[in-house]
Amino acid sequence: METLYGVCAVLLTLAVVAVAVQAIITLRQLRETAEQVKYTAKAIELSALNVNDRVESTKKLFDTVNDVSNAVRTGWFKGAQLAFSIISAFKGGRK
């Protein structure tokens, strides 16, 4: 019976050592993964800032296009249309 207890004690000790070794390996992998996540998060943050700058620069372009299109819809463009209509009417009447 003492032999059986001795074998059980050795097996239990080996199992505890195996769990401890596996825990150490897992924690090392977890630490490496955390470092990679930290690096990736920093890269994403820098990319987001870069994209934000690019969006802000294109916003100015679209604001300019909007201003031009508003000017075309109103103001001098209507005057140009009127002048073109008058000229077209005179050319059409001379035939």
C-alpha atoms as a PDB file:
ATOM      1  CA  MET A   1       0.000   0.000   0.000  1.00  0.00           C
ATOM      2  CA  GLU A   2       2.858   2.347   0.757  1.00  0.00           C
ATOM      3  CA  THR A   3       4.193   1.695  -2.730  1.00  0.00           C
ATOM      4  CA  LEU A   4       0.836   2.715  -4.176  1.00  0.00           C
ATOM      5  CA  TYR A   5       0.912   5.953  -2.149  1.00  0.00           C
ATOM      6  CA  GLY A   6       4.476   6.605  -3.294  1.00  0.00           C
ATOM      7  CA  VAL A   7       3.537   6.091  -6.959  1.00  0.00           C
ATOM      8  CA  CYS A   8       0.501   8.365  -6.555  1.00  0.00           C
ATOM      9  CA  ALA A   9       2.658  11.031  -4.896  1.00  0.00           C
ATOM     10  CA  VAL A  10       5.204  10.876  -7.738  1.00  0.00           C
ATOM     11  CA  LEU A  11       2.448  11.045 -10.388  1.00  0.00           C
ATOM     12  CA  LEU A  12       0.793  13.955  -8.588  1.00  0.00           C
ATOM     13  CA  THR A  13       4.139  15.774  -8.369  1.00  0.00           C
ATOM     14  CA  LEU A  14       4.796  15.179 -12.067  1.00  0.00           C
ATOM     15  CA  ALA A  15       1.312  16.471 -12.937  1.00  0.00           C
ATOM     16  CA  VAL A  16       1.832  19.642 -10.881  1.00  0.00           C
ATOM     17  CA  VAL A  17       5.233  20.205 -12.522  1.00  0.00           C
ATOM     18  CA  ALA A  18       3.703  19.677 -15.981  1.00  0.00           C
ATOM     19  CA  VAL A  19       0.939  22.206 -15.226  1.00  0.00           C
ATOM     20  CA  ALA A  20       3.514  24.694 -13.925  1.00  0.00           C
ATOM     21  CA  VAL A  21       5.691  24.304 -17.045  1.00  0.00           C
ATOM     22  CA  GLN A  22       2.651  24.685 -19.320  1.00  0.00           C
ATOM     23  CA  ALA A  23       1.560  27.791 -17.385  1.00  0.00           C
ATOM     24  CA  ILE A  24       5.021  29.329 -17.818  1.00  0.00           C
ATOM     25  CA  ILE A  25       4.997  28.632 -21.565  1.00  0.00           C
ATOM     26  CA  THR A  26       1.487  30.061 -21.893  1.00  0.00           C
ATOM     27  CA  LEU A  27       2.357  33.201 -19.924  1.00  0.00           C
ATOM     28  CA  ARG A  28       5.425  33.811 -22.111  1.00  0.00           C
ATOM     29  CA  GLN A  29       3.286  33.519 -25.244  1.00  0.00           C
ATOM     30  CA  LEU A  30       0.730  35.840 -23.693  1.00  0.00           C
ATOM     31  CA  ARG A  31       3.426  38.411 -22.957  1.00  0.00           C
ATOM     32  CA  GLU A  32       4.715  38.236 -26.553  1.00  0.00           C
ATOM     33  CA  THR A  33       1.174  38.599 -27.886  1.00  0.00           C
ATOM     34  CA  ALA A  34       0.591  41.602 -25.633  1.00  0.00           C
ATOM     35  CA  GLU A  35       3.748  43.234 -27.035  1.00  0.00           C
ATOM     36  CA  GLN A  36       2.535  42.617 -30.582  1.00  0.00           C
ATOM     37  CA  VAL A  37      -0.893  44.064 -29.752  1.00  0.00           C
ATOM     38  CA  LYS A  38       0.785  47.121 -28.278  1.00  0.00           C
ATOM     39  CA  TYR A  39       2.865  47.603 -31.445  1.00  0.00           C
ATOM     40  CA  THR A  40      -0.169  47.068 -33.686  1.00  0.00           C
ATOM     41  CA  ALA A  41      -2.284  49.501 -31.671  1.00  0.00           C
ATOM     42  CA  LYS A  42       0.413  52.163 -32.013  1.00  0.00           C
ATOM     43  CA  ALA A  43       0.578  51.570 -35.777  1.00  0.00           C
ATOM     44  CA  ILE A  44      -3.210  51.846 -36.059  1.00  0.00           C
ATOM     45  CA  GLU A  45      -3.182  55.056 -34.047  1.00  0.00           C
ATOM     46  CA  LEU A  46      -0.573  56.591 -36.358  1.00  0.00           C
ATOM     47  CA  SER A  47      -2.528  55.440 -39.414  1.00  0.00           C
ATOM     48  CA  ALA A  48      -5.707  56.969 -38.031  1.00  0.00           C
ATOM     49  CA  LEU A  49      -3.951  60.293 -37.484  1.00  0.00           C
ATOM     50  CA  ASN A  50      -2.593  60.173 -41.040  1.00  0.00           C
ATOM     51  CA  VAL A  51      -6.037  59.395 -42.447  1.00  0.00           C
ATOM     52  CA  ASN A  52      -7.536  62.217 -40.384  1.00  0.00           C
ATOM     53  CA  ASP A  53      -5.029  64.667 -41.867  1.00  0.00           C
ATOM     54  CA  ARG A  54      -5.811  63.473 -45.374  1.00  0.00           C
ATOM     55  CA  VAL A  55      -9.557  63.758 -44.795  1.00  0.00           C
ATOM     56  CA  GLU A  56      -9.126  67.286 -43.466  1.00  0.00           C
ATOM     57  CA  SER A  57      -7.117  68.259 -46.559  1.00  0.00           C
ATOM     58  CA  THR A  58      -9.762  66.826 -48.916  1.00  0.00           C
ATOM     59  CA  LYS A  59     -12.481  68.608 -46.926  1.00  0.00           C
ATOM     60  CA  LYS A  60     -10.979  71.917 -48.027  1.00  0.00           C
ATOM     61  CA  LEU A  61     -11.080  70.725 -51.638  1.00  0.00           C
ATOM     62  CA  PHE A  62     -14.733  69.716 -51.390  1.00  0.00           C
ATOM     63  CA  ASP A  63     -15.598  73.015 -49.713  1.00  0.00           C
ATOM     64  CA  THR A  64     -13.998  74.816 -52.670  1.00  0.00           C
ATOM     65  CA  VAL A  65     -15.913  72.666 -55.157  1.00  0.00           C
ATOM     66  CA  ASN A  66     -19.116  73.409 -53.245  1.00  0.00           C
ATOM     67  CA  ASP A  67     -18.417  77.147 -53.347  1.00  0.00           C
ATOM     68  CA  VAL A  68     -17.791  77.010 -57.098  1.00  0.00           C
ATOM     69  CA  SER A  69     -20.946  74.999 -57.729  1.00  0.00           C
ATOM     70  CA  ASN A  70     -22.974  77.465 -55.649  1.00  0.00           C
ATOM     71  CA  ALA A  71     -21.504  80.326 -57.675  1.00  0.00           C
ATOM     72  CA  VAL A  72     -22.409  78.540 -60.897  1.00  0.00           C
ATOM     73  CA  ARG A  73     -25.988  77.987 -59.741  1.00  0.00           C
ATOM     74  CA  THR A  74     -26.468  81.614 -58.762  1.00  0.00           C
ATOM     75  CA  GLY A  75     -25.074  84.992 -59.603  1.00  0.00           C
ATOM     76  CA  TRP A  76     -22.865  85.533 -62.609  1.00  0.00           C
ATOM     77  CA  PHE A  77     -23.799  82.250 -64.267  1.00  0.00           C
ATOM     78  CA  LYS A  78     -27.436  83.284 -64.565  1.00  0.00           C
ATOM     79  CA  GLY A  79     -26.249  86.533 -66.147  1.00  0.00           C
ATOM     80  CA  ALA A  80     -24.111  84.587 -68.614  1.00  0.00           C
ATOM     81  CA  GLN A  81     -27.103  82.382 -69.463  1.00  0.00           C
ATOM     82  CA  LEU A  82     -29.218  85.459 -70.102  1.00  0.00           C
ATOM     83  CA  ALA A  83     -26.533  86.962 -72.347  1.00  0.00           C
ATOM     84  CA  PHE A  84     -26.212  83.696 -74.242  1.00  0.00           C
ATOM     85  CA  SER A  85     -29.995  83.516 -74.668  1.00  0.00           C
ATOM     86  CA  ILE A  86     -30.101  87.081 -76.015  1.00  0.00           C
ATOM     87  CA  ILE A  87     -27.237  86.385 -78.429  1.00  0.00           C
ATOM     88  CA  SER A  88     -28.866  83.146 -79.557  1.00  0.00           C
ATOM     89  CA  ALA A  89     -32.174  84.975 -80.113  1.00  0.00           C
ATOM     90  CA  PHE A  90     -30.474  87.604 -82.314  1.00  0.00           C
ATOM     91  CA  LYS A  91     -28.601  84.995 -84.304  1.00  0.00           C
ATOM     92  CA  GLY A  92     -31.759  82.954 -84.754  1.00  0.00           C
ATOM     93  CA  GLY A  93     -33.750  86.024 -85.875  1.00  0.00           C
ATOM     94  CA  ARG A  94     -31.236  87.029 -88.618  1.00  0.00           C
ATOM     95  CA  LYS A  95     -31.725  83.900 -90.712  1.00  0.00           C
END
